[in-house]
Amino acid sequence: MIQRSRSDLLEHNPLRSWPIRVLGLLLLAQTAALVGVSLVSSARINWRQIVGSRTLPPQALDVFVLGGMFIPCAVLALAAAVGLLAGLRIGWLLAMLAQAILLGGCLWLYVSEGPAFIYPLMLSSIVIVLYLNSRDVRVAFHLQPLSEPMETTSEI
C-alpha cells in the first residue's frame, strides 16, 4: 500500500490548489457572461407587442434559441465551478461538457448568423478547455492510482 505524508495530501488537495480556484472563477465569470448575453438579447425585444400578435417574429425566436442554449450551459458551468471548488472530480467532467455544448452552439450561431458576441464566448471556452487539460489541474484531482500493481510469482 502506498503511504502518503500529510504534506503530500495537502499539496495535492484540490481545495488548496490555486489552478482549481482560478478555473472555478473563470467558470463563474463565463456563467455570468452567458446569463448576461441571454438577458441583454431578451431586453431588446418589445414583449408587449409580441404578446398581442399571432405570429412570433424572428427576433423573439432568436431570443428563445439563445436562452435555450446559453442558460443550460450557464447552469452546467455553475455546477462545474461549484464542483471544482469543492474538490469533486465530477466538476471537471461538467466543465468539459459545458464547454463542448457552448462551443458547438457558438459554431452553429457562427454559421447561421455570426453575431459579434460569440467570439469572446468561443475564446473563453477554448481557454477553459486548455486550462482544464493542463498538468496542474489534472494532477490536482489524481490523488492516488486507480489500482496498485499486482505482484506475480511465476511457478513452473
Foldseek 3Di string as FASTA:
>chain_A
DDDDDPVLCCVLALLNFVLLVVLLVLLLVLLVVLVVVLVVLVVVDDVVVQVPDDDDDPSNVVSVVSCVQSNVLSVLSNVLSVCSNVRHPVSLVSLLVSLVSLLVVLVVCCVPPNDPVSVVVNVSSVVSVVSSPDPSNVSSNCSDDPDDDDDDDDDD
